[in-house]
Amino acid sequence: MARRDELRVSLFPFMSVLACTIGALTLLLASLSLSAVAPPEADGAADEPSQTAGRSSSGSIGGPPTAGHSESAPGAKPAEERAIARLEALWRRVDAALRAGEGERAISLGDLERRLAAGDQTRRLEADLKALTEAERALARKGEGVEASIAVLESRRETLPILIDPTGLSRHLEPWFVECDAGGVTAYRVSDGLSHFVPRSALDGSGDFARYLRRLKVSPGALLVLLVRPDGLATAALASRMAEAAGVRSAQLPLPGQGDLDWSLLRRAEEAKSR
């Protein structure tokens, strides 16, 4: 069987024509752009040759060499001359801006990103600081309220009744309660509510409190419980020394304020014990 010849198509002539067409259009567009540039002002166009010569000798940064344009060529068009003069004016403005900026270094993209990130972080920190400040103020207001409540409770505790709780006392001991304050001692008998006050100046070996201690010494299982008021520390210390000298076992119970003594729990305990 005979081998068929393959049909090949070459695009080289077409590509060449397309490239030439593009080049011709580019040249045409460039010519039209130069001719369409607006003419500069009358006073700026008059001194363009001298300014162009100064530009070529100054060596500005980034400006194109202009020595060839200081004088118009014989065949140069007026539109091209005006375009060149306008470009020179723009370059002079760029040079003036650079000199006014005192040669500051251009900011790179990385530096700009770092500055923006630093600015965002600063704003976040300022927002966090503001939130913390508001929270601190709220806590301060709450703290003032709590302190006021504590002060009210403290003032009330000074006058509230003081409940005497018999919990913790041994069953084999019989408590005898004596209140100690700055004025002296007060002995209590819980069963019938009887009380007897002895001034501090009368606390000696021959007074009523001494006879009271001798009675406790002969009572089996007697325990002297000194109820100490906030201002009765010195009185309680004196009464404790007298009890130790008389051979009476004693204990101290601090009282939280100046309120009345409530014996209700102790009376219930004694009633239950008697049953």
Protein backbone atom coordinates (compact mmCIF):
# COMPACT_ATOMS: atom_id res chain seq x y z
CA MET A 1 0.00 0.00 0.00
CA ALA A 2 1.43 3.36 -1.03
CA ARG A 3 2.32 5.83 1.71
CA ARG A 4 0.26 9.01 1.58
CA ASP A 5 2.13 12.32 1.56
CA GLU A 6 1.40 14.45 4.66
CA LEU A 7 0.13 17.97 4.03
CA ARG A 8 2.13 20.54 6.02
CA VAL A 9 1.15 24.23 6.41
CA SER A 10 3.79 26.82 7.36
CA LEU A 11 2.71 30.00 9.20
CA PHE A 12 6.04 31.78 8.78
CA PRO A 13 4.87 34.24 6.08
CA PHE A 14 1.78 35.13 8.10
CA MET A 15 3.77 35.76 11.31
CA SER A 16 6.24 37.95 9.44
CA VAL A 17 3.47 40.07 7.98
CA LEU A 18 1.85 40.38 11.43
CA ALA A 19 5.14 41.51 13.03
CA CYS A 20 5.71 44.13 10.34
CA THR A 21 2.18 45.41 10.75
CA ILE A 22 2.58 45.75 14.54
CA GLY A 23 5.86 47.61 14.09
CA ALA A 24 4.35 50.01 11.58
CA LEU A 25 1.39 50.71 13.87
CA THR A 26 3.77 51.35 16.80
CA LEU A 27 5.72 53.93 14.82
CA LEU A 28 2.49 55.57 13.70
CA LEU A 29 1.17 55.80 17.28
CA ALA A 30 4.47 57.26 18.53
CA SER A 31 4.39 59.93 15.82
CA LEU A 32 0.79 60.83 16.59
CA SER A 33 1.56 61.05 20.35
CA LEU A 34 4.43 63.48 19.82
CA SER A 35 2.38 65.67 17.53
CA ALA A 36 -0.58 65.71 19.95
CA VAL A 37 1.39 67.12 22.91
CA ALA A 38 -0.04 70.51 24.00
CA PRO A 39 2.31 73.48 23.45
CA PRO A 40 3.82 75.05 26.63
CA GLU A 41 3.12 78.62 27.72
CA ALA A 42 4.61 81.46 25.75
CA ASP A 43 7.00 82.60 28.46
CA GLY A 44 8.24 79.06 29.13
CA ALA A 45 8.86 78.40 25.43
CA ALA A 46 10.99 81.54 25.01
CA ASP A 47 13.76 80.46 27.42
CA GLU A 48 13.73 76.73 26.64
CA PRO A 49 17.08 76.67 24.76
CA SER A 50 18.97 78.17 27.74
CA GLN A 51 17.13 75.94 30.24
CA THR A 52 17.89 72.88 28.09
CA ALA A 53 21.57 73.75 28.06
CA GLY A 54 21.58 74.17 31.86
CA ARG A 55 19.83 70.84 32.23
CA SER A 56 22.40 69.00 30.14
CA SER A 57 25.29 70.43 32.20
CA SER A 58 23.75 69.90 35.68
CA GLY A 59 23.64 66.07 35.50
CA SER A 60 20.33 65.59 37.34
CA ILE A 61 19.59 62.24 38.88
CA GLY A 62 17.47 60.06 36.68
CA GLY A 63 17.17 62.64 33.84
CA PRO A 64 17.91 61.62 30.26
CA PRO A 65 20.86 63.20 28.46
CA THR A 66 19.65 66.36 26.65
CA ALA A 67 22.84 67.74 25.08
CA GLY A 68 21.57 66.81 21.67
CA HIS A 69 18.38 68.86 22.21
CA SER A 70 19.91 72.15 23.30
CA GLU A 71 19.58 73.43 19.79
CA SER A 72 16.89 72.44 17.38
CA ALA A 73 17.95 70.35 14.44
CA PRO A 74 17.41 71.85 11.01
CA GLY A 75 14.74 69.35 10.16
CA ALA A 76 13.05 69.16 13.60
CA LYS A 77 9.32 69.81 13.78
CA PRO A 78 7.86 72.47 16.11
CA ALA A 79 5.66 69.86 17.84
CA GLU A 80 8.68 67.71 18.70
CA GLU A 81 10.53 70.74 20.08
CA ARG A 82 7.60 71.63 22.29
CA ALA A 83 7.36 68.02 23.56
CA ILE A 84 11.07 67.96 24.40
CA ALA A 85 10.80 71.31 26.20
CA ARG A 86 7.84 70.05 28.24
CA LEU A 87 9.78 66.93 29.26
CA GLU A 88 12.68 69.12 30.34
CA ALA A 89 10.34 71.24 32.47
CA LEU A 90 9.01 68.09 34.14
CA TRP A 91 12.54 66.87 34.89
CA ARG A 92 13.37 70.23 36.45
CA ARG A 93 10.35 69.91 38.74
CA VAL A 94 11.48 66.40 39.76
CA ASP A 95 14.98 67.69 40.55
CA ALA A 96 13.55 70.54 42.62
CA ALA A 97 11.38 68.10 44.58
CA LEU A 98 14.39 65.87 45.26
CA ARG A 99 16.45 68.81 46.46
CA ALA A 100 13.58 70.02 48.68
CA GLY A 101 13.38 66.55 50.25
CA GLU A 102 17.11 66.81 51.18
CA GLY A 103 17.92 63.59 49.48
CA GLU A 104 15.70 61.33 51.63
CA ARG A 105 16.10 57.65 50.96
CA ALA A 106 13.19 56.07 49.17
CA ILE A 107 11.13 53.71 51.33
CA SER A 108 11.27 50.14 50.15
CA LEU A 109 8.24 47.89 50.02
CA GLY A 110 9.52 45.84 52.95
CA ASP A 111 10.03 48.94 55.11
CA LEU A 112 6.55 50.17 54.21
CA GLU A 113 5.00 46.82 55.17
CA ARG A 114 6.89 46.80 58.47
CA ARG A 115 5.74 50.33 59.25
CA LEU A 116 2.14 49.42 58.48
CA ALA A 117 2.40 46.31 60.66
CA ALA A 118 3.88 48.38 63.48
CA GLY A 119 1.04 50.87 63.14
CA ASP A 120 -1.56 48.09 63.30
CA GLN A 121 0.11 46.61 66.38
CA THR A 122 0.19 50.02 68.05
CA ARG A 123 -3.53 50.49 67.42
CA ARG A 124 -4.27 47.02 68.82
CA LEU A 125 -2.20 47.76 71.92
CA GLU A 126 -4.00 51.07 72.40
CA ALA A 127 -7.35 49.30 72.12
CA ASP A 128 -6.24 46.64 74.65
CA LEU A 129 -4.99 49.33 77.02
CA LYS A 130 -8.29 51.17 76.77
CA ALA A 131 -10.21 47.96 77.51
CA LEU A 132 -7.97 47.21 80.51
CA THR A 133 -8.44 50.74 81.80
CA GLU A 134 -12.22 50.40 81.59
CA ALA A 135 -12.06 47.02 83.36
CA GLU A 136 -9.88 48.53 86.08
CA ARG A 137 -12.34 51.35 86.60
CA ALA A 138 -15.23 48.87 86.81
CA LEU A 139 -13.33 46.78 89.38
CA ALA A 140 -12.53 49.93 91.35
CA ARG A 141 -16.22 50.83 91.44
CA LYS A 142 -17.11 47.31 92.57
CA GLY A 143 -14.36 47.43 95.19
CA GLU A 144 -15.74 50.67 96.58
CA GLY A 145 -19.16 49.04 96.87
CA VAL A 146 -17.70 46.00 98.63
CA GLU A 147 -15.74 48.18 101.04
CA ALA A 148 -18.86 50.15 101.85
CA SER A 149 -20.76 46.92 102.52
CA ILE A 150 -17.96 45.65 104.76
CA ALA A 151 -17.95 48.92 106.68
CA VAL A 152 -21.71 48.65 107.22
CA LEU A 153 -21.37 45.06 108.40
CA GLU A 154 -18.54 46.00 110.74
CA SER A 155 -20.63 48.78 112.26
CA ARG A 156 -23.57 46.43 112.68
CA ARG A 157 -21.38 43.71 114.18
CA GLU A 158 -20.40 46.05 116.99
CA THR A 159 -24.02 46.23 118.15
CA LEU A 160 -25.43 42.85 117.12
CA PRO A 161 -26.14 40.31 119.88
CA ILE A 162 -23.32 37.83 120.49
CA LEU A 163 -24.48 34.22 120.54
CA ILE A 164 -22.60 32.09 123.05
CA ASP A 165 -22.19 28.67 121.45
CA PRO A 166 -21.47 25.77 123.83
CA THR A 167 -20.13 23.61 121.00
CA GLY A 168 -16.65 22.31 121.79
CA LEU A 169 -17.04 22.21 125.56
CA SER A 170 -16.25 18.92 127.22
CA ARG A 171 -19.08 16.97 128.78
CA HIS A 172 -16.98 16.47 131.90
CA LEU A 173 -16.45 20.21 132.46
CA GLU A 174 -18.94 22.75 133.75
CA PRO A 175 -18.38 26.23 132.28
CA TRP A 176 -18.56 29.34 134.48
CA PHE A 177 -18.70 32.49 132.35
CA VAL A 178 -17.12 35.81 133.36
CA GLU A 179 -17.20 38.83 131.06
CA CYS A 180 -14.10 41.06 131.03
CA ASP A 181 -14.16 44.67 129.82
CA ALA A 182 -12.27 47.85 130.56
CA GLY A 183 -14.36 48.54 133.70
CA GLY A 184 -14.04 45.15 135.38
CA VAL A 185 -15.51 41.63 135.39
CA THR A 186 -19.13 40.40 135.35
CA ALA A 187 -19.93 36.88 136.54
CA TYR A 188 -22.99 35.19 134.95
CA ARG A 189 -25.21 32.32 136.10
CA VAL A 190 -26.94 31.10 132.96
CA SER A 191 -29.59 28.99 134.64
CA ASP A 192 -31.47 31.93 136.18
CA GLY A 193 -29.85 34.89 134.35
CA LEU A 194 -28.12 36.21 137.47
CA SER A 195 -25.07 38.48 136.99
CA HIS A 196 -22.66 40.23 139.36
CA PHE A 197 -20.21 43.02 138.42
CA VAL A 198 -16.87 43.56 140.13
CA PRO A 199 -14.84 46.69 139.28
CA ARG A 200 -11.29 46.22 138.11
CA SER A 201 -9.97 48.13 141.09
CA ALA A 202 -11.55 45.52 143.40
CA LEU A 203 -9.82 42.55 141.79
CA ASP A 204 -7.63 41.45 144.69
CA GLY A 205 -7.19 38.48 146.92
CA SER A 206 -9.91 39.46 149.41
CA GLY A 207 -12.77 40.75 147.23
CA ASP A 208 -15.84 39.22 145.72
CA PHE A 209 -13.97 37.82 142.70
CA ALA A 210 -11.53 36.02 145.01
CA ARG A 211 -14.41 34.37 146.88
CA TYR A 212 -15.95 33.46 143.50
CA LEU A 213 -12.72 31.70 142.50
CA ARG A 214 -12.56 29.77 145.80
CA ARG A 215 -16.08 28.51 145.13
CA LEU A 216 -15.07 27.33 141.66
CA LYS A 217 -12.07 25.51 143.11
CA VAL A 218 -14.25 23.27 145.21
CA SER A 219 -16.75 22.62 142.38
CA PRO A 220 -15.94 19.38 140.50
CA GLY A 221 -15.15 19.91 136.80
CA ALA A 222 -15.42 23.71 137.00
CA LEU A 223 -13.97 25.68 134.06
CA LEU A 224 -13.67 29.47 134.20
CA VAL A 225 -14.45 30.90 130.74
CA LEU A 226 -13.32 34.54 130.37
CA LEU A 227 -15.41 36.37 127.73
CA VAL A 228 -12.99 39.07 126.59
CA ARG A 229 -14.36 42.30 125.11
CA PRO A 230 -12.14 44.25 122.65
CA ASP A 231 -11.27 46.73 125.44
CA GLY A 232 -10.91 44.14 128.20
CA LEU A 233 -7.56 42.51 127.44
CA ALA A 234 -5.83 43.93 130.52
CA THR A 235 -8.75 42.93 132.76
CA ALA A 236 -8.76 39.41 131.32
CA ALA A 237 -5.02 39.06 131.91
CA LEU A 238 -5.46 40.08 135.57
CA ALA A 239 -8.39 37.69 136.06
CA SER A 240 -6.44 34.86 134.45
CA ARG A 241 -3.50 35.38 136.83
CA MET A 242 -5.86 35.38 139.82
CA ALA A 243 -7.49 32.14 138.61
CA GLU A 244 -4.10 30.50 138.16
CA ALA A 245 -3.05 31.58 141.63
CA ALA A 246 -6.29 30.15 143.08
CA GLY A 247 -5.77 26.82 141.25
CA VAL A 248 -8.78 27.22 138.94
CA ARG A 249 -8.66 26.04 135.32
CA SER A 250 -9.46 28.92 132.95
CA ALA A 251 -9.93 29.62 129.23
CA GLN A 252 -10.44 32.79 127.16
CA LEU A 253 -13.08 33.46 124.47
CA PRO A 254 -12.72 36.75 122.52
CA LEU A 255 -15.96 38.63 121.81
CA PRO A 256 -16.29 40.37 118.38
CA GLY A 257 -17.99 43.56 119.58
CA GLN A 258 -19.99 45.33 122.25
CA GLY A 259 -23.35 43.63 121.63
CA ASP A 260 -25.45 41.93 124.26
CA LEU A 261 -24.72 38.30 125.17
CA ASP A 262 -27.22 35.75 123.90
CA TRP A 263 -27.39 32.65 126.18
CA SER A 264 -30.22 30.84 124.35
CA LEU A 265 -28.07 28.03 122.91
CA LEU A 266 -26.35 27.45 126.25
CA ARG A 267 -29.69 27.24 128.06
CA ARG A 268 -30.97 24.69 125.55
CA ALA A 269 -27.83 22.64 126.03
CA GLU A 270 -28.24 22.69 129.80
CA GLU A 271 -31.90 21.70 129.52
CA ALA A 272 -31.04 18.81 127.24
CA LYS A 273 -28.28 17.73 129.63
CA SER A 274 -30.59 17.80 132.64
CA ARG A 275 -33.07 15.54 130.82
